[in-house]
C-alpha cells in the first residue's frame, strides 16, 4: 500500500489521505514515458513531488487507464494535489511500505 500525504518543507505532516493506493500490476505497469510522475512510484520507497511536479502529476490523472487508481483515491489525490498548489512550501508525498 502506498499512502498519500502533504508535508511542509521541514517534513512536518500536514494532511494524511484517508485511503492509500494498492500496488499492483496496473500501477507497476505504467509506461514511464507516458506517465512520468506516477510511472516512477515504488511500493517500498517514498516519492516526493514539489509544486511544479504536482501540476504535471495532476495532468496525468485524467489520462490513466481504468483500474489503475480507485475513484476514491483519485478524488483525494486531486484534492491534496490542489492543496499543495494552493499553499506555500508544501510537498505531496507518496509513502511506500
N, C-alpha and C. Protein backbone atom coordinates (compact mmCIF):
# COMPACT_ATOMS: atom_id res chain seq x y z
N UNK A 1 0.84 -1.18 0.00
CA UNK A 1 0.00 0.00 0.00
C UNK A 1 0.89 1.24 0.00
N UNK A 2 0.51 2.20 -0.80
CA UNK A 2 1.20 3.48 -0.83
C UNK A 2 0.24 4.54 -0.30
N UNK A 3 0.67 5.23 0.75
CA UNK A 3 -0.15 6.27 1.34
C UNK A 3 0.19 7.63 0.73
N UNK A 4 -0.72 8.57 0.89
CA UNK A 4 -0.56 9.91 0.32
C UNK A 4 -0.62 10.93 1.45
N UNK A 5 0.33 11.86 1.44
CA UNK A 5 0.41 12.89 2.49
C UNK A 5 0.81 14.23 1.90
N UNK A 6 0.48 15.27 2.64
CA UNK A 6 1.04 16.59 2.39
C UNK A 6 1.96 16.89 3.56
N UNK A 7 3.18 17.32 3.22
CA UNK A 7 4.13 17.71 4.25
C UNK A 7 4.69 19.09 3.93
N UNK A 8 5.10 19.77 4.98
CA UNK A 8 5.76 21.07 4.84
C UNK A 8 7.21 20.88 4.43
N UNK A 9 7.84 21.98 4.13
CA UNK A 9 9.24 21.98 3.72
C UNK A 9 10.16 21.30 4.74
N UNK A 10 9.84 21.44 6.02
CA UNK A 10 10.66 20.83 7.08
C UNK A 10 10.26 19.39 7.38
N UNK A 11 9.33 18.83 6.60
CA UNK A 11 8.90 17.45 6.78
C UNK A 11 7.71 17.26 7.69
N UNK A 12 7.22 18.33 8.29
CA UNK A 12 6.06 18.24 9.17
C UNK A 12 4.82 17.78 8.39
N UNK A 13 4.16 16.76 8.92
CA UNK A 13 2.95 16.23 8.30
C UNK A 13 1.80 17.20 8.46
N UNK A 14 1.17 17.56 7.36
CA UNK A 14 0.02 18.46 7.38
C UNK A 14 -1.29 17.70 7.22
N UNK A 15 -1.34 16.80 6.23
CA UNK A 15 -2.57 16.06 5.93
C UNK A 15 -2.18 14.65 5.49
N UNK A 16 -2.96 13.69 5.93
CA UNK A 16 -2.78 12.31 5.50
C UNK A 16 -4.08 11.86 4.84
N UNK A 17 -3.99 11.33 3.64
CA UNK A 17 -5.19 10.85 2.94
C UNK A 17 -5.84 9.71 3.72
N UNK A 18 -7.14 9.59 3.57
CA UNK A 18 -7.87 8.52 4.24
C UNK A 18 -7.62 7.17 3.59
N UNK A 19 -7.29 7.20 2.31
CA UNK A 19 -7.09 5.97 1.55
C UNK A 19 -5.71 5.97 0.92
N UNK A 20 -5.17 4.79 0.75
CA UNK A 20 -3.94 4.63 0.00
C UNK A 20 -4.25 3.99 -1.34
N UNK A 21 -3.19 3.75 -2.09
CA UNK A 21 -3.35 3.06 -3.36
C UNK A 21 -2.60 1.74 -3.26
N UNK A 22 -3.26 0.68 -3.67
CA UNK A 22 -2.64 -0.64 -3.63
C UNK A 22 -1.65 -0.76 -4.78
N UNK A 23 -0.49 -1.33 -4.49
CA UNK A 23 0.50 -1.60 -5.52
C UNK A 23 0.08 -2.87 -6.23
N UNK A 24 -0.09 -2.78 -7.52
CA UNK A 24 -0.47 -3.94 -8.31
C UNK A 24 0.05 -3.81 -9.72
N UNK A 25 -0.29 -4.76 -10.57
CA UNK A 25 0.24 -4.76 -11.93
C UNK A 25 -0.17 -3.54 -12.75
N UNK A 26 -1.34 -2.98 -12.48
CA UNK A 26 -1.78 -1.81 -13.24
C UNK A 26 -0.87 -0.62 -12.98
N UNK A 27 -0.56 -0.37 -11.71
CA UNK A 27 0.31 0.74 -11.34
C UNK A 27 1.76 0.44 -11.71
N UNK A 28 2.19 -0.77 -11.45
CA UNK A 28 3.57 -1.17 -11.76
C UNK A 28 3.85 -1.14 -13.26
N UNK A 29 2.82 -1.36 -14.05
CA UNK A 29 2.99 -1.46 -15.50
C UNK A 29 2.84 -0.16 -16.26
N UNK A 30 2.67 0.95 -15.55
CA UNK A 30 2.52 2.23 -16.27
C UNK A 30 3.78 2.54 -17.07
N UNK A 31 3.59 2.99 -18.28
CA UNK A 31 4.70 3.39 -19.14
C UNK A 31 5.25 4.72 -18.64
N UNK A 32 6.49 4.73 -18.20
CA UNK A 32 7.09 5.93 -17.62
C UNK A 32 7.25 7.05 -18.64
N UNK A 33 7.29 6.73 -19.91
CA UNK A 33 7.39 7.79 -20.91
C UNK A 33 6.05 8.48 -21.13
N UNK A 34 4.96 7.81 -20.82
CA UNK A 34 3.62 8.38 -20.96
C UNK A 34 3.14 8.98 -19.64
N UNK A 35 3.51 8.34 -18.53
CA UNK A 35 3.12 8.78 -17.19
C UNK A 35 4.39 8.98 -16.35
N UNK A 36 5.13 10.05 -16.60
CA UNK A 36 6.43 10.22 -15.94
C UNK A 36 6.34 10.40 -14.43
N UNK A 37 5.24 10.87 -13.90
CA UNK A 37 5.13 11.06 -12.46
C UNK A 37 4.68 9.76 -11.78
N UNK A 38 3.51 9.29 -12.11
CA UNK A 38 3.01 8.07 -11.47
C UNK A 38 3.80 6.84 -11.89
N UNK A 39 4.41 6.88 -13.04
CA UNK A 39 5.21 5.75 -13.51
C UNK A 39 6.48 5.54 -12.73
N UNK A 40 6.86 6.50 -11.91
CA UNK A 40 8.08 6.38 -11.12
C UNK A 40 7.83 6.03 -9.65
N UNK A 41 6.59 5.79 -9.28
CA UNK A 41 6.31 5.37 -7.90
C UNK A 41 6.89 3.98 -7.65
N UNK A 42 7.29 3.75 -6.41
CA UNK A 42 7.79 2.45 -5.98
C UNK A 42 7.02 2.03 -4.73
N UNK A 43 6.74 0.74 -4.57
CA UNK A 43 5.96 0.30 -3.42
C UNK A 43 6.73 0.34 -2.11
N UNK A 44 8.05 0.39 -2.16
CA UNK A 44 8.87 0.30 -0.96
C UNK A 44 9.65 1.58 -0.66
N UNK A 45 9.36 2.65 -1.37
CA UNK A 45 10.10 3.89 -1.16
C UNK A 45 9.15 5.08 -1.20
N UNK A 46 9.58 6.17 -0.60
CA UNK A 46 8.79 7.41 -0.64
C UNK A 46 9.14 8.17 -1.91
N UNK A 47 8.13 8.83 -2.47
CA UNK A 47 8.31 9.69 -3.63
C UNK A 47 7.70 11.03 -3.30
N UNK A 48 8.46 12.10 -3.50
CA UNK A 48 8.04 13.44 -3.11
C UNK A 48 7.91 14.31 -4.36
N UNK A 49 6.79 15.02 -4.45
CA UNK A 49 6.55 15.93 -5.57
C UNK A 49 6.46 17.36 -5.05
N UNK A 50 7.18 18.25 -5.74
CA UNK A 50 7.09 19.67 -5.39
C UNK A 50 5.97 20.32 -6.19
N UNK A 51 5.81 21.61 -6.02
CA UNK A 51 4.72 22.36 -6.65
C UNK A 51 4.66 22.13 -8.16
N UNK A 52 5.76 22.26 -8.84
CA UNK A 52 5.78 22.11 -10.30
C UNK A 52 5.49 20.67 -10.72
N UNK A 53 6.00 19.73 -9.97
CA UNK A 53 5.76 18.33 -10.31
C UNK A 53 4.31 17.93 -10.06
N UNK A 54 3.69 18.52 -9.05
CA UNK A 54 2.28 18.22 -8.77
C UNK A 54 1.42 18.64 -9.95
N UNK A 55 1.73 19.75 -10.59
CA UNK A 55 0.97 20.18 -11.76
C UNK A 55 1.02 19.11 -12.86
N UNK A 56 2.19 18.58 -13.10
CA UNK A 56 2.35 17.52 -14.11
C UNK A 56 1.62 16.26 -13.68
N UNK A 57 1.73 15.91 -12.42
CA UNK A 57 1.04 14.75 -11.88
C UNK A 57 -0.47 14.86 -12.08
N UNK A 58 -1.03 15.99 -11.74
CA UNK A 58 -2.49 16.16 -11.87
C UNK A 58 -2.93 16.12 -13.33
N UNK A 59 -2.07 16.51 -14.25
CA UNK A 59 -2.41 16.41 -15.68
C UNK A 59 -2.42 14.96 -16.16
N UNK A 60 -1.68 14.09 -15.48
CA UNK A 60 -1.65 12.67 -15.84
C UNK A 60 -2.92 11.94 -15.42
N UNK A 61 -3.50 12.35 -14.32
CA UNK A 61 -4.59 11.59 -13.70
C UNK A 61 -5.76 11.32 -14.65
N UNK A 62 -6.27 12.32 -15.38
CA UNK A 62 -7.40 12.02 -16.27
C UNK A 62 -7.07 11.08 -17.43
N UNK A 63 -5.80 10.91 -17.74
CA UNK A 63 -5.39 10.05 -18.85
C UNK A 63 -5.09 8.62 -18.42
N UNK A 64 -5.17 8.34 -17.14
CA UNK A 64 -4.84 6.99 -16.65
C UNK A 64 -5.82 5.95 -17.19
N UNK A 65 -5.30 4.76 -17.50
CA UNK A 65 -6.20 3.68 -17.89
C UNK A 65 -7.11 3.30 -16.73
N UNK A 66 -8.29 2.79 -17.02
CA UNK A 66 -9.20 2.36 -15.95
C UNK A 66 -8.54 1.31 -15.07
N UNK A 67 -8.83 1.40 -13.77
CA UNK A 67 -8.37 0.40 -12.82
C UNK A 67 -7.02 0.66 -12.19
N UNK A 68 -6.30 1.69 -12.63
CA UNK A 68 -5.00 1.99 -12.02
C UNK A 68 -5.21 2.57 -10.63
N UNK A 69 -6.12 3.51 -10.51
CA UNK A 69 -6.45 4.14 -9.22
C UNK A 69 -7.94 3.98 -8.96
N UNK A 70 -8.32 3.83 -7.71
CA UNK A 70 -9.74 3.81 -7.39
C UNK A 70 -10.31 5.22 -7.49
N UNK A 71 -11.60 5.32 -7.66
CA UNK A 71 -12.25 6.64 -7.72
C UNK A 71 -12.02 7.42 -6.44
N UNK A 72 -12.09 6.74 -5.29
CA UNK A 72 -11.91 7.41 -4.01
C UNK A 72 -10.49 7.97 -3.88
N UNK A 73 -9.49 7.17 -4.25
CA UNK A 73 -8.11 7.63 -4.16
C UNK A 73 -7.87 8.77 -5.15
N UNK A 74 -8.44 8.66 -6.33
CA UNK A 74 -8.29 9.71 -7.34
C UNK A 74 -8.83 11.04 -6.82
N UNK A 75 -9.99 11.01 -6.19
CA UNK A 75 -10.56 12.25 -5.63
C UNK A 75 -9.64 12.85 -4.57
N UNK A 76 -9.10 12.01 -3.68
CA UNK A 76 -8.19 12.52 -2.65
C UNK A 76 -6.89 13.03 -3.26
N UNK A 77 -6.38 12.34 -4.25
CA UNK A 77 -5.16 12.77 -4.92
C UNK A 77 -5.34 14.15 -5.54
N UNK A 78 -6.44 14.36 -6.21
CA UNK A 78 -6.71 15.66 -6.83
C UNK A 78 -6.88 16.73 -5.75
N UNK A 79 -7.60 16.40 -4.69
CA UNK A 79 -7.83 17.35 -3.60
C UNK A 79 -6.51 17.74 -2.91
N UNK A 80 -5.71 16.75 -2.57
CA UNK A 80 -4.44 17.04 -1.90
C UNK A 80 -3.45 17.70 -2.84
N UNK A 81 -3.45 17.30 -4.09
CA UNK A 81 -2.59 17.95 -5.07
C UNK A 81 -2.94 19.43 -5.22
N UNK A 82 -4.22 19.72 -5.26
CA UNK A 82 -4.64 21.12 -5.37
C UNK A 82 -4.26 21.91 -4.11
N UNK A 83 -4.34 21.27 -2.96
CA UNK A 83 -3.92 21.93 -1.71
C UNK A 83 -2.43 22.29 -1.75
N UNK A 84 -1.62 21.40 -2.31
CA UNK A 84 -0.19 21.69 -2.46
C UNK A 84 0.00 22.89 -3.39
N UNK A 85 -0.74 22.92 -4.48
CA UNK A 85 -0.63 24.03 -5.42
C UNK A 85 -1.07 25.36 -4.80
N UNK A 86 -2.02 25.28 -3.88
CA UNK A 86 -2.58 26.50 -3.27
C UNK A 86 -1.77 27.02 -2.08
N UNK A 87 -0.89 26.20 -1.53
CA UNK A 87 -0.18 26.61 -0.32
C UNK A 87 1.31 26.79 -0.56
N UNK A 88 1.94 27.57 0.30
CA UNK A 88 3.39 27.77 0.16
C UNK A 88 4.19 26.66 0.83
N UNK A 89 5.27 26.25 0.19
CA UNK A 89 6.24 25.32 0.77
C UNK A 89 5.62 23.98 1.18
N UNK A 90 4.72 23.47 0.34
CA UNK A 90 4.09 22.18 0.60
C UNK A 90 4.55 21.17 -0.44
N UNK A 91 4.58 19.90 -0.03
CA UNK A 91 5.01 18.82 -0.90
C UNK A 91 4.02 17.67 -0.80
N UNK A 92 3.80 16.99 -1.91
CA UNK A 92 2.94 15.81 -1.94
C UNK A 92 3.83 14.58 -1.85
N UNK A 93 3.60 13.79 -0.82
CA UNK A 93 4.41 12.59 -0.57
C UNK A 93 3.59 11.33 -0.83
N UNK A 94 4.14 10.42 -1.61
CA UNK A 94 3.63 9.07 -1.73
C UNK A 94 4.54 8.24 -0.83
N UNK A 95 3.98 7.66 0.21
CA UNK A 95 4.77 6.95 1.22
C UNK A 95 4.59 5.45 1.04
N UNK A 96 5.68 4.78 0.63
CA UNK A 96 5.65 3.34 0.43
C UNK A 96 5.74 2.59 1.73
N UNK A 97 5.50 1.30 1.66
CA UNK A 97 5.57 0.44 2.86
C UNK A 97 6.93 0.45 3.49
